Amino acid sequence: MKVTPRCVVMHIREFQEMMRQLYYHKDSKRGFEKTFEWLVEEVAELGEALTGDRKTLENEFADVIAWLASLANVMDVDLEKAAITKYANKCPKCEKTPCQCPV
């Protein structure tokens, strides 16, 4: 993690590890099904926040990524590796940058 005067720069793997340190003891006891339910609830809250104020919107985005990382931890998935492997600087369907898939 890189800290600058104005912001913190963190890789996905570092964020996922932070979530592991903070919550894995609870997440692992809750299990993947309940952890997934929490993620879905947060996505719904994000949907509601799309037409609200900026701070609420940012908080809901943060909650979604936190619960996604928690679920990945419970399932032993490295989010950074999965994302980079699938997207590798190109669309996984058309394999172009930018994507050329029909709308």
C-alpha atoms as a PDB file:
ATOM      1  CA  MET A   1       0.000   0.000   0.000  1.00  0.00           C
ATOM      2  CA  LYS A   2       1.345   3.422  -0.961  1.00  0.00           C
ATOM      3  CA  VAL A   3       0.367   6.444   1.120  1.00  0.00           C
ATOM      4  CA  THR A   4       0.609   9.910  -0.403  1.00  0.00           C
ATOM      5  CA  PRO A   5      -0.347  13.212   1.253  1.00  0.00           C
ATOM      6  CA  ARG A   6      -3.759  13.241  -0.451  1.00  0.00           C
ATOM      7  CA  CYS A   7      -4.705   9.602  -0.883  1.00  0.00           C
ATOM      8  CA  VAL A   8      -3.960   5.970  -0.211  1.00  0.00           C
ATOM      9  CA  VAL A   9      -3.104   3.810  -3.211  1.00  0.00           C
ATOM     10  CA  MET A  10      -3.988   0.170  -2.656  1.00  0.00           C
ATOM     11  CA  HIS A  11      -3.984  -2.843  -4.950  1.00  0.00           C
ATOM     12  CA  ILE A  12      -7.034  -5.097  -4.994  1.00  0.00           C
ATOM     13  CA  ARG A  13      -5.030  -7.842  -3.254  1.00  0.00           C
ATOM     14  CA  GLU A  14      -4.074  -5.440  -0.445  1.00  0.00           C
ATOM     15  CA  PHE A  15      -7.692  -4.374   0.025  1.00  0.00           C
ATOM     16  CA  GLN A  16      -8.801  -8.002   0.083  1.00  0.00           C
ATOM     17  CA  GLU A  17      -6.155  -8.795   2.694  1.00  0.00           C
ATOM     18  CA  MET A  18      -7.310  -5.834   4.793  1.00  0.00           C
ATOM     19  CA  MET A  19     -10.877  -7.212   4.682  1.00  0.00           C
ATOM     20  CA  ARG A  20      -9.501 -10.638   5.668  1.00  0.00           C
ATOM     21  CA  GLN A  21      -7.732  -9.191   8.680  1.00  0.00           C
ATOM     22  CA  LEU A  22     -10.783  -7.191   9.735  1.00  0.00           C
ATOM     23  CA  TYR A  23     -13.611  -9.640   9.115  1.00  0.00           C
ATOM     24  CA  TYR A  24     -12.522 -13.172   8.143  1.00  0.00           C
ATOM     25  CA  HIS A  25     -13.122 -14.531  11.641  1.00  0.00           C
ATOM     26  CA  LYS A  26     -16.781 -13.479  11.306  1.00  0.00           C
ATOM     27  CA  ASP A  27     -17.171 -14.166   7.581  1.00  0.00           C
ATOM     28  CA  SER A  28     -15.880 -17.719   7.821  1.00  0.00           C
ATOM     29  CA  LYS A  29     -18.334 -18.499  10.632  1.00  0.00           C
ATOM     30  CA  ARG A  30     -21.194 -16.923   8.663  1.00  0.00           C
ATOM     31  CA  GLY A  31     -20.358 -18.999   5.580  1.00  0.00           C
ATOM     32  CA  PHE A  32     -20.562 -18.234   1.896  1.00  0.00           C
ATOM     33  CA  GLU A  33     -24.365 -18.270   1.602  1.00  0.00           C
ATOM     34  CA  LYS A  34     -24.980 -15.622   4.274  1.00  0.00           C
ATOM     35  CA  THR A  35     -21.973 -13.592   3.141  1.00  0.00           C
ATOM     36  CA  PHE A  36     -23.407 -13.637  -0.391  1.00  0.00           C
ATOM     37  CA  GLU A  37     -26.768 -12.458   0.972  1.00  0.00           C
ATOM     38  CA  TRP A  38     -25.019  -9.482   2.612  1.00  0.00           C
ATOM     39  CA  LEU A  39     -23.329  -8.655  -0.709  1.00  0.00           C
ATOM     40  CA  VAL A  40     -26.675  -8.750  -2.535  1.00  0.00           C
ATOM     41  CA  GLU A  41     -28.221  -6.444   0.094  1.00  0.00           C
ATOM     42  CA  GLU A  42     -25.362  -3.985  -0.379  1.00  0.00           C
ATOM     43  CA  VAL A  43     -25.781  -4.058  -4.169  1.00  0.00           C
ATOM     44  CA  ALA A  44     -29.476  -3.233  -3.667  1.00  0.00           C
ATOM     45  CA  GLU A  45     -28.505  -0.325  -1.401  1.00  0.00           C
ATOM     46  CA  LEU A  46     -26.079   0.863  -4.077  1.00  0.00           C
ATOM     47  CA  GLY A  47     -28.926   0.792  -6.591  1.00  0.00           C
ATOM     48  CA  GLU A  48     -30.996   3.005  -4.313  1.00  0.00           C
ATOM     49  CA  ALA A  49     -28.067   5.389  -3.816  1.00  0.00           C
ATOM     50  CA  LEU A  50     -27.557   5.973  -7.544  1.00  0.00           C
ATOM     51  CA  THR A  51     -30.022   8.864  -7.456  1.00  0.00           C
ATOM     52  CA  GLY A  52     -28.950  10.194  -4.044  1.00  0.00           C
ATOM     53  CA  ASP A  53     -26.143  12.344  -2.737  1.00  0.00           C
ATOM     54  CA  ARG A  54     -22.490  11.726  -3.593  1.00  0.00           C
ATOM     55  CA  LYS A  55     -21.321  10.717  -0.100  1.00  0.00           C
ATOM     56  CA  THR A  56     -24.011   8.030   0.230  1.00  0.00           C
ATOM     57  CA  LEU A  57     -23.166   6.756  -3.248  1.00  0.00           C
ATOM     58  CA  GLU A  58     -19.460   6.501  -2.394  1.00  0.00           C
ATOM     59  CA  ASN A  59     -20.239   4.709   0.874  1.00  0.00           C
ATOM     60  CA  GLU A  60     -22.399   2.154  -0.909  1.00  0.00           C
ATOM     61  CA  PHE A  61     -19.706   1.507  -3.532  1.00  0.00           C
ATOM     62  CA  ALA A  62     -17.278   0.944  -0.649  1.00  0.00           C
ATOM     63  CA  ASP A  63     -19.687  -1.477   1.032  1.00  0.00           C
ATOM     64  CA  VAL A  64     -20.141  -3.469  -2.178  1.00  0.00           C
ATOM     65  CA  ILE A  65     -16.415  -3.867  -2.777  1.00  0.00           C
ATOM     66  CA  ALA A  66     -15.867  -4.751   0.895  1.00  0.00           C
ATOM     67  CA  TRP A  67     -18.515  -7.495   0.832  1.00  0.00           C
ATOM     68  CA  LEU A  68     -17.230  -8.755  -2.532  1.00  0.00           C
ATOM     69  CA  ALA A  69     -13.747  -9.054  -1.011  1.00  0.00           C
ATOM     70  CA  SER A  70     -15.205 -10.796   2.038  1.00  0.00           C
ATOM     71  CA  LEU A  71     -17.026 -13.324  -0.126  1.00  0.00           C
ATOM     72  CA  ALA A  72     -13.866 -13.912  -2.168  1.00  0.00           C
ATOM     73  CA  ASN A  73     -11.975 -14.544   1.069  1.00  0.00           C
ATOM     74  CA  VAL A  74     -14.551 -17.083   2.237  1.00  0.00           C
ATOM     75  CA  MET A  75     -14.345 -18.803  -1.173  1.00  0.00           C
ATOM     76  CA  ASP A  76     -10.508 -18.547  -1.283  1.00  0.00           C
ATOM     77  CA  VAL A  77     -10.520 -16.526  -4.527  1.00  0.00           C
ATOM     78  CA  ASP A  78      -7.787 -13.973  -5.270  1.00  0.00           C
ATOM     79  CA  LEU A  79      -9.845 -11.102  -6.732  1.00  0.00           C
ATOM     80  CA  GLU A  80      -6.888  -9.292  -8.250  1.00  0.00           C
ATOM     81  CA  LYS A  81      -5.652 -12.404 -10.047  1.00  0.00           C
ATOM     82  CA  ALA A  82      -9.165 -13.318 -11.225  1.00  0.00           C
ATOM     83  CA  ALA A  83      -9.854  -9.823 -12.595  1.00  0.00           C
ATOM     84  CA  ILE A  84      -6.494  -9.456 -14.336  1.00  0.00           C
ATOM     85  CA  THR A  85      -6.685 -12.960 -15.779  1.00  0.00           C
ATOM     86  CA  LYS A  86     -10.166 -12.419 -17.198  1.00  0.00           C
ATOM     87  CA  TYR A  87      -9.806  -8.846 -18.448  1.00  0.00           C
ATOM     88  CA  ALA A  88      -6.056  -8.637 -19.357  1.00  0.00           C
ATOM     89  CA  ASN A  89      -6.371  -5.150 -20.933  1.00  0.00           C
ATOM     90  CA  LYS A  90      -9.040  -6.261 -23.392  1.00  0.00           C
ATOM     91  CA  CYS A  91     -12.691  -7.193 -23.548  1.00  0.00           C
ATOM     92  CA  PRO A  92     -12.980 -10.928 -22.762  1.00  0.00           C
ATOM     93  CA  LYS A  93     -15.655 -11.355 -25.471  1.00  0.00           C
ATOM     94  CA  CYS A  94     -14.361  -9.444 -28.495  1.00  0.00           C
ATOM     95  CA  GLU A  95     -10.753  -9.258 -27.267  1.00  0.00           C
ATOM     96  CA  LYS A  96     -10.507  -5.572 -28.313  1.00  0.00           C
ATOM     97  CA  THR A  97      -9.481  -2.403 -26.493  1.00  0.00           C
ATOM     98  CA  PRO A  98     -11.780  -0.528 -26.290  1.00  0.00           C
ATOM     99  CA  CYS A  99     -14.580  -3.075 -26.466  1.00  0.00           C
ATOM    100  CA  GLN A 100     -16.151  -3.422 -29.905  1.00  0.00           C
ATOM    101  CA  CYS A 101     -19.073  -5.640 -28.856  1.00  0.00           C
ATOM    102  CA  PRO A 102     -22.487  -4.487 -30.117  1.00  0.00           C
ATOM    103  CA  VAL A 103     -24.475  -2.503 -27.591  1.00  0.00           C
END
